[in-house]
Amino acid sequence: MESQGVIEVDLFSPEVNSPDHPEAGRFKKLLEEVAEEHHCHLTSFAIDHGTVLFSFDSDELTAKILAVLQDERENQD
């Protein structure tokens, strides 16, 4: 099943504004490794002034990442 959801996370400073930026490149490589571990693919990756947008072709992996982000948000409150 293909995932249509895009995960959007404010992760870097606004100066990180390109997938070619070293920080963005390291994060993209990490996402690709996670996708490989879950037998799926990173289908999109973009950076907009420090905000990372990415998606996978796995609803299961997307749901796991969203759960982790939700837990992180709840622990900050």
PDB file of N, CA and C in Angstrom:
ATOM      1  N   MET A   1       0.850  -1.185   0.000  1.00  0.00           N
ATOM      2  CA  MET A   1       0.000   0.000   0.000  1.00  0.00           C
ATOM      3  C   MET A   1       0.889   1.240   0.000  1.00  0.00           C
ATOM      4  N   GLU A   2       0.623   2.199  -0.855  1.00  0.00           N
ATOM      5  CA  GLU A   2       1.426   3.411  -0.909  1.00  0.00           C
ATOM      6  C   GLU A   2       0.880   4.463   0.031  1.00  0.00           C
ATOM      7  N   SER A   3       1.812   5.158   0.682  1.00  0.00           N
ATOM      8  CA  SER A   3       1.430   6.222   1.586  1.00  0.00           C
ATOM      9  C   SER A   3       1.356   7.539   0.824  1.00  0.00           C
ATOM     10  N   GLN A   4       0.333   8.291   1.080  1.00  0.00           N
ATOM     11  CA  GLN A   4       0.194   9.599   0.457  1.00  0.00           C
ATOM     12  C   GLN A   4       0.541  10.717   1.437  1.00  0.00           C
ATOM     13  N   GLY A   5       0.787  10.371   2.698  1.00  0.00           N
ATOM     14  CA  GLY A   5       1.061  11.378   3.723  1.00  0.00           C
ATOM     15  C   GLY A   5       2.480  11.881   3.675  1.00  0.00           C
ATOM     16  N   VAL A   6       2.619  13.153   3.919  1.00  0.00           N
ATOM     17  CA  VAL A   6       3.929  13.781   4.007  1.00  0.00           C
ATOM     18  C   VAL A   6       4.132  14.220   5.447  1.00  0.00           C
ATOM     19  N   ILE A   7       5.271  13.880   6.004  1.00  0.00           N
ATOM     20  CA  ILE A   7       5.619  14.288   7.355  1.00  0.00           C
ATOM     21  C   ILE A   7       6.381  15.605   7.242  1.00  0.00           C
ATOM     22  N   GLU A   8       5.987  16.574   8.057  1.00  0.00           N
ATOM     23  CA  GLU A   8       6.612  17.901   8.048  1.00  0.00           C
ATOM     24  C   GLU A   8       7.097  18.207   9.458  1.00  0.00           C
ATOM     25  N   VAL A   9       8.412  18.463   9.586  1.00  0.00           N
ATOM     26  CA  VAL A   9       9.016  18.681  10.891  1.00  0.00           C
ATOM     27  C   VAL A   9       9.952  19.888  10.826  1.00  0.00           C
ATOM     28  N   ASP A  10       9.785  20.822  11.764  1.00  0.00           N
ATOM     29  CA  ASP A  10      10.747  21.916  11.908  1.00  0.00           C
ATOM     30  C   ASP A  10      11.957  21.338  12.622  1.00  0.00           C
ATOM     31  N   LEU A  11      13.037  21.124  11.887  1.00  0.00           N
ATOM     32  CA  LEU A  11      14.158  20.372  12.424  1.00  0.00           C
ATOM     33  C   LEU A  11      15.459  21.163  12.450  1.00  0.00           C
ATOM     34  N   PHE A  12      15.667  22.006  11.475  1.00  0.00           N
ATOM     35  CA  PHE A  12      16.929  22.729  11.341  1.00  0.00           C
ATOM     36  C   PHE A  12      16.711  24.230  11.445  1.00  0.00           C
ATOM     37  N   SER A  13      17.808  24.953  11.507  1.00  0.00           N
ATOM     38  CA  SER A  13      17.724  26.410  11.469  1.00  0.00           C
ATOM     39  C   SER A  13      17.262  26.831  10.071  1.00  0.00           C
ATOM     40  N   PRO A  14      16.704  28.038   9.950  1.00  0.00           N
ATOM     41  CA  PRO A  14      16.211  28.495   8.638  1.00  0.00           C
ATOM     42  C   PRO A  14      17.284  28.554   7.549  1.00  0.00           C
ATOM     43  N   GLU A  15      18.551  28.598   7.938  1.00  0.00           N
ATOM     44  CA  GLU A  15      19.631  28.638   6.954  1.00  0.00           C
ATOM     45  C   GLU A  15      19.738  27.327   6.173  1.00  0.00           C
ATOM     46  N   VAL A  16      19.209  26.243   6.736  1.00  0.00           N
ATOM     47  CA  VAL A  16      19.214  24.958   6.034  1.00  0.00           C
ATOM     48  C   VAL A  16      18.017  24.989   5.096  1.00  0.00           C
ATOM     49  N   ASN A  17      18.290  25.274   3.820  1.00  0.00           N
ATOM     50  CA  ASN A  17      17.211  25.526   2.863  1.00  0.00           C
ATOM     51  C   ASN A  17      17.398  24.775   1.555  1.00  0.00           C
ATOM     52  N   SER A  18      18.141  23.660   1.623  1.00  0.00           N
ATOM     53  CA  SER A  18      18.372  22.880   0.418  1.00  0.00           C
ATOM     54  C   SER A  18      18.693  21.441   0.798  1.00  0.00           C
ATOM     55  N   PRO A  19      18.220  20.486   0.014  1.00  0.00           N
ATOM     56  CA  PRO A  19      18.603  19.099   0.276  1.00  0.00           C
ATOM     57  C   PRO A  19      20.106  18.865   0.142  1.00  0.00           C
ATOM     58  N   ASP A  20      20.803  19.802  -0.504  1.00  0.00           N
ATOM     59  CA  ASP A  20      22.248  19.681  -0.678  1.00  0.00           C
ATOM     60  C   ASP A  20      23.031  20.147   0.542  1.00  0.00           C
ATOM     61  N   HIS A  21      22.374  20.804   1.488  1.00  0.00           N
ATOM     62  CA  HIS A  21      23.049  21.256   2.707  1.00  0.00           C
ATOM     63  C   HIS A  21      23.555  20.022   3.459  1.00  0.00           C
ATOM     64  N   PRO A  22      24.759  20.080   4.038  1.00  0.00           N
ATOM     65  CA  PRO A  22      25.315  18.901   4.725  1.00  0.00           C
ATOM     66  C   PRO A  22      24.401  18.324   5.815  1.00  0.00           C
ATOM     67  N   GLU A  23      23.777  19.169   6.622  1.00  0.00           N
ATOM     68  CA  GLU A  23      22.879  18.666   7.665  1.00  0.00           C
ATOM     69  C   GLU A  23      21.686  17.941   7.053  1.00  0.00           C
ATOM     70  N   ALA A  24      21.120  18.521   6.012  1.00  0.00           N
ATOM     71  CA  ALA A  24      19.979  17.905   5.331  1.00  0.00           C
ATOM     72  C   ALA A  24      20.400  16.589   4.687  1.00  0.00           C
ATOM     73  N   GLY A  25      21.570  16.570   4.107  1.00  0.00           N
ATOM     74  CA  GLY A  25      22.071  15.360   3.474  1.00  0.00           C
ATOM     75  C   GLY A  25      22.237  14.220   4.460  1.00  0.00           C
ATOM     76  N   ARG A  26      22.753  14.527   5.656  1.00  0.00           N
ATOM     77  CA  ARG A  26      22.913  13.497   6.681  1.00  0.00           C
ATOM     78  C   ARG A  26      21.558  12.971   7.134  1.00  0.00           C
ATOM     79  N   PHE A  27      20.580  13.862   7.283  1.00  0.00           N
ATOM     80  CA  PHE A  27      19.251  13.442   7.705  1.00  0.00           C
ATOM     81  C   PHE A  27      18.588  12.590   6.621  1.00  0.00           C
ATOM     82  N   LYS A  28      18.749  12.985   5.371  1.00  0.00           N
ATOM     83  CA  LYS A  28      18.168  12.207   4.277  1.00  0.00           C
ATOM     84  C   LYS A  28      18.766  10.803   4.249  1.00  0.00           C
ATOM     85  N   LYS A  29      20.073  10.696   4.457  1.00  0.00           N
ATOM     86  CA  LYS A  29      20.716   9.388   4.481  1.00  0.00           C
ATOM     87  C   LYS A  29      20.149   8.540   5.617  1.00  0.00           C
ATOM     88  N   LEU A  30      19.927   9.142   6.774  1.00  0.00           N
ATOM     89  CA  LEU A  30      19.329   8.435   7.898  1.00  0.00           C
ATOM     90  C   LEU A  30      17.937   7.918   7.539  1.00  0.00           C
ATOM     91  N   LEU A  31      17.129   8.772   6.905  1.00  0.00           N
ATOM     92  CA  LEU A  31      15.786   8.360   6.500  1.00  0.00           C
ATOM     93  C   LEU A  31      15.840   7.206   5.496  1.00  0.00           C
ATOM     94  N   GLU A  32      16.789   7.250   4.584  1.00  0.00           N
ATOM     95  CA  GLU A  32      16.943   6.170   3.606  1.00  0.00           C
ATOM     96  C   GLU A  32      17.339   4.860   4.287  1.00  0.00           C
ATOM     97  N   GLU A  33      18.187   4.958   5.302  1.00  0.00           N
ATOM     98  CA  GLU A  33      18.586   3.760   6.048  1.00  0.00           C
ATOM     99  C   GLU A  33      17.397   3.177   6.812  1.00  0.00           C
ATOM    100  N   VAL A  34      16.597   4.037   7.429  1.00  0.00           N
ATOM    101  CA  VAL A  34      15.407   3.577   8.147  1.00  0.00           C
ATOM    102  C   VAL A  34      14.439   2.916   7.166  1.00  0.00           C
ATOM    103  N   ALA A  35      14.255   3.525   6.014  1.00  0.00           N
ATOM    104  CA  ALA A  35      13.367   2.950   5.006  1.00  0.00           C
ATOM    105  C   ALA A  35      13.864   1.562   4.596  1.00  0.00           C
ATOM    106  N   GLU A  36      15.148   1.438   4.365  1.00  0.00           N
ATOM    107  CA  GLU A  36      15.703   0.147   3.972  1.00  0.00           C
ATOM    108  C   GLU A  36      15.464  -0.910   5.051  1.00  0.00           C
ATOM    109  N   GLU A  37      15.645  -0.526   6.311  1.00  0.00           N
ATOM    110  CA  GLU A  37      15.405  -1.451   7.419  1.00  0.00           C
ATOM    111  C   GLU A  37      13.954  -1.918   7.465  1.00  0.00           C
ATOM    112  N   HIS A  38      13.045  -1.069   6.986  1.00  0.00           N
ATOM    113  CA  HIS A  38      11.617  -1.396   6.988  1.00  0.00           C
ATOM    114  C   HIS A  38      11.134  -1.879   5.615  1.00  0.00           C
ATOM    115  N   HIS A  39      12.071  -2.192   4.734  1.00  0.00           N
ATOM    116  CA  HIS A  39      11.772  -2.746   3.407  1.00  0.00           C
ATOM    117  C   HIS A  39      10.830  -1.850   2.603  1.00  0.00           C
ATOM    118  N   CYS A  40      11.137  -0.546   2.625  1.00  0.00           N
ATOM    119  CA  CYS A  40      10.361   0.405   1.836  1.00  0.00           C
ATOM    120  C   CYS A  40      11.317   1.474   1.305  1.00  0.00           C
ATOM    121  N   HIS A  41      10.764   2.552   0.756  1.00  0.00           N
ATOM    122  CA  HIS A  41      11.583   3.599   0.143  1.00  0.00           C
ATOM    123  C   HIS A  41      11.154   4.982   0.630  1.00  0.00           C
ATOM    124  N   LEU A  42      12.125   5.863   0.694  1.00  0.00           N
ATOM    125  CA  LEU A  42      11.860   7.283   0.894  1.00  0.00           C
ATOM    126  C   LEU A  42      11.385   7.808  -0.453  1.00  0.00           C
ATOM    127  N   THR A  43      10.147   8.299  -0.513  1.00  0.00           N
ATOM    128  CA  THR A  43       9.583   8.699  -1.807  1.00  0.00           C
ATOM    129  C   THR A  43       9.669  10.186  -2.074  1.00  0.00           C
ATOM    130  N   SER A  44       9.809  10.981  -1.015  1.00  0.00           N
ATOM    131  CA  SER A  44       9.996  12.417  -1.234  1.00  0.00           C
ATOM    132  C   SER A  44      10.816  12.987  -0.085  1.00  0.00           C
ATOM    133  N   PHE A  45      11.565  14.041  -0.396  1.00  0.00           N
ATOM    134  CA  PHE A  45      12.402  14.713   0.602  1.00  0.00           C
ATOM    135  C   PHE A  45      12.617  16.139   0.133  1.00  0.00           C
ATOM    136  N   ALA A  46      12.253  17.096   0.981  1.00  0.00           N
ATOM    137  CA  ALA A  46      12.442  18.509   0.643  1.00  0.00           C
ATOM    138  C   ALA A  46      12.754  19.281   1.918  1.00  0.00           C
ATOM    139  N   ILE A  47      13.399  20.419   1.745  1.00  0.00           N
ATOM    140  CA  ILE A  47      13.739  21.313   2.847  1.00  0.00           C
ATOM    141  C   ILE A  47      13.231  22.700   2.494  1.00  0.00           C
ATOM    142  N   ASP A  48      12.570  23.334   3.444  1.00  0.00           N
ATOM    143  CA  ASP A  48      12.101  24.710   3.255  1.00  0.00           C
ATOM    144  C   ASP A  48      12.430  25.518   4.496  1.00  0.00           C
ATOM    145  N   HIS A  49      13.523  26.257   4.439  1.00  0.00           N
ATOM    146  CA  HIS A  49      13.958  27.112   5.550  1.00  0.00           C
ATOM    147  C   HIS A  49      13.956  26.369   6.878  1.00  0.00           C
ATOM    148  N   GLY A  50      14.613  25.203   6.901  1.00  0.00           N
ATOM    149  CA  GLY A  50      14.762  24.416   8.118  1.00  0.00           C
ATOM    150  C   GLY A  50      13.668  23.402   8.370  1.00  0.00           C
ATOM    151  N   THR A  51      12.578  23.497   7.633  1.00  0.00           N
ATOM    152  CA  THR A  51      11.488  22.538   7.778  1.00  0.00           C
ATOM    153  C   THR A  51      11.697  21.402   6.781  1.00  0.00           C
ATOM    154  N   VAL A  52      11.684  20.181   7.300  1.00  0.00           N
ATOM    155  CA  VAL A  52      11.886  18.998   6.473  1.00  0.00           C
ATOM    156  C   VAL A  52      10.526  18.402   6.131  1.00  0.00           C
ATOM    157  N   LEU A  53      10.336  18.074   4.866  1.00  0.00           N
ATOM    158  CA  LEU A  53       9.130  17.392   4.402  1.00  0.00           C
ATOM    159  C   LEU A  53       9.578  16.096   3.748  1.00  0.00           C
ATOM    160  N   PHE A  54       9.002  14.971   4.192  1.00  0.00           N
ATOM    161  CA  PHE A  54       9.406  13.693   3.623  1.00  0.00           C
ATOM    162  C   PHE A  54       8.268  12.699   3.691  1.00  0.00           C
ATOM    163  N   SER A  55       8.364  11.672   2.853  1.00  0.00           N
ATOM    164  CA  SER A  55       7.355  10.619   2.865  1.00  0.00           C
ATOM    165  C   SER A  55       7.995   9.299   2.467  1.00  0.00           C
ATOM    166  N   PHE A  56       7.306   8.233   2.845  1.00  0.00           N
ATOM    167  CA  PHE A  56       7.721   6.871   2.531  1.00  0.00           C
ATOM    168  C   PHE A  56       6.590   6.174   1.792  1.00  0.00           C
ATOM    169  N   ASP A  57       6.921   5.076   1.140  1.00  0.00           N
ATOM    170  CA  ASP A  57       5.883   4.275   0.495  1.00  0.00           C
ATOM    171  C   ASP A  57       5.383   3.177   1.431  1.00  0.00           C
ATOM    172  N   SER A  58       5.403   3.466   2.726  1.00  0.00           N
ATOM    173  CA  SER A  58       4.933   2.522   3.736  1.00  0.00           C
ATOM    174  C   SER A  58       4.067   3.259   4.761  1.00  0.00           C
ATOM    175  N   ASP A  59       2.794   2.905   4.795  1.00  0.00           N
ATOM    176  CA  ASP A  59       1.911   3.497   5.807  1.00  0.00           C
ATOM    177  C   ASP A  59       2.358   3.104   7.207  1.00  0.00           C
ATOM    178  N   GLU A  60       2.865   1.882   7.354  1.00  0.00           N
ATOM    179  CA  GLU A  60       3.298   1.402   8.662  1.00  0.00           C
ATOM    180  C   GLU A  60       4.450   2.241   9.208  1.00  0.00           C
ATOM    181  N   LEU A  61       5.467   2.499   8.390  1.00  0.00           N
ATOM    182  CA  LEU A  61       6.609   3.306   8.835  1.00  0.00           C
ATOM    183  C   LEU A  61       6.167   4.738   9.096  1.00  0.00           C
ATOM    184  N   THR A  62       5.328   5.277   8.243  1.00  0.00           N
ATOM    185  CA  THR A  62       4.820   6.635   8.453  1.00  0.00           C
ATOM    186  C   THR A  62       4.107   6.724   9.798  1.00  0.00           C
ATOM    187  N   ALA A  63       3.268   5.742  10.103  1.00  0.00           N
ATOM    188  CA  ALA A  63       2.534   5.733  11.375  1.00  0.00           C
ATOM    189  C   ALA A  63       3.488   5.649  12.563  1.00  0.00           C
ATOM    190  N   LYS A  64       4.545   4.834  12.444  1.00  0.00           N
ATOM    191  CA  LYS A  64       5.526   4.722  13.530  1.00  0.00           C
ATOM    192  C   LYS A  64       6.219   6.057  13.781  1.00  0.00           C
ATOM    193  N   ILE A  65       6.600   6.731  12.726  1.00  0.00           N
ATOM    194  CA  ILE A  65       7.290   8.021  12.871  1.00  0.00           C
ATOM    195  C   ILE A  65       6.350   9.051  13.469  1.00  0.00           C
ATOM    196  N   LEU A  66       5.115   9.083  13.010  1.00  0.00           N
ATOM    197  CA  LEU A  66       4.152  10.026  13.571  1.00  0.00           C
ATOM    198  C   LEU A  66       3.912   9.757  15.053  1.00  0.00           C
ATOM    199  N   ALA A  67       3.886   8.496  15.461  1.00  0.00           N
ATOM    200  CA  ALA A  67       3.704   8.154  16.874  1.00  0.00           C
ATOM    201  C   ALA A  67       4.884   8.655  17.706  1.00  0.00           C
ATOM    202  N   VAL A  68       6.099   8.494  17.179  1.00  0.00           N
ATOM    203  CA  VAL A  68       7.285   8.979  17.885  1.00  0.00           C
ATOM    204  C   VAL A  68       7.229  10.497  18.022  1.00  0.00           C
ATOM    205  N   LEU A  69       6.868  11.187  16.952  1.00  0.00           N
ATOM    206  CA  LEU A  69       6.778  12.652  17.001  1.00  0.00           C
ATOM    207  C   LEU A  69       5.698  13.103  17.972  1.00  0.00           C
ATOM    208  N   GLN A  70       4.573  12.393  18.005  1.00  0.00           N
ATOM    209  CA  GLN A  70       3.497  12.729  18.938  1.00  0.00           C
ATOM    210  C   GLN A  70       3.957  12.528  20.378  1.00  0.00           C
ATOM    211  N   ASP A  71       4.646  11.426  20.664  1.00  0.00           N
ATOM    212  CA  ASP A  71       5.167  11.177  22.009  1.00  0.00           C
ATOM    213  C   ASP A  71       6.137  12.272  22.422  1.00  0.00           C
ATOM    214  N   GLU A  72       6.980  12.679  21.482  1.00  0.00           N
ATOM    215  CA  GLU A  72       7.949  13.744  21.762  1.00  0.00           C
ATOM    216  C   GLU A  72       7.231  15.045  22.102  1.00  0.00           C
ATOM    217  N   ARG A  73       6.204  15.373  21.354  1.00  0.00           N
ATOM    218  CA  ARG A  73       5.442  16.589  21.591  1.00  0.00           C
ATOM    219  C   ARG A  73       4.772  16.539  22.960  1.00  0.00           C
ATOM    220  N   GLU A  74       4.181  15.393  23.322  1.00  0.00           N
ATOM    221  CA  GLU A  74       3.504  15.253  24.613  1.00  0.00           C
ATOM    222  C   GLU A  74       4.481  15.350  25.767  1.00  0.00           C
ATOM    223  N   ASN A  75       5.690  14.848  25.577  1.00  0.00           N
ATOM    224  CA  ASN A  75       6.703  14.920  26.637  1.00  0.00           C
ATOM    225  C   ASN A  75       7.244  16.336  26.835  1.00  0.00           C
ATOM    226  N   GLN A  76       7.113  17.182  25.817  1.00  0.00           N
ATOM    227  CA  GLN A  76       7.558  18.569  25.922  1.00  0.00           C
ATOM    228  C   GLN A  76       6.548  19.434  26.661  1.00  0.00           C
ATOM    229  N   ASP A  77       5.292  19.041  26.630  1.00  0.00           N
ATOM    230  CA  ASP A  77       4.230  19.847  27.262  1.00  0.00           C
ATOM    231  C   ASP A  77       4.199  19.707  28.759  1.00  0.00           C
TER     232      ASP A  77
END
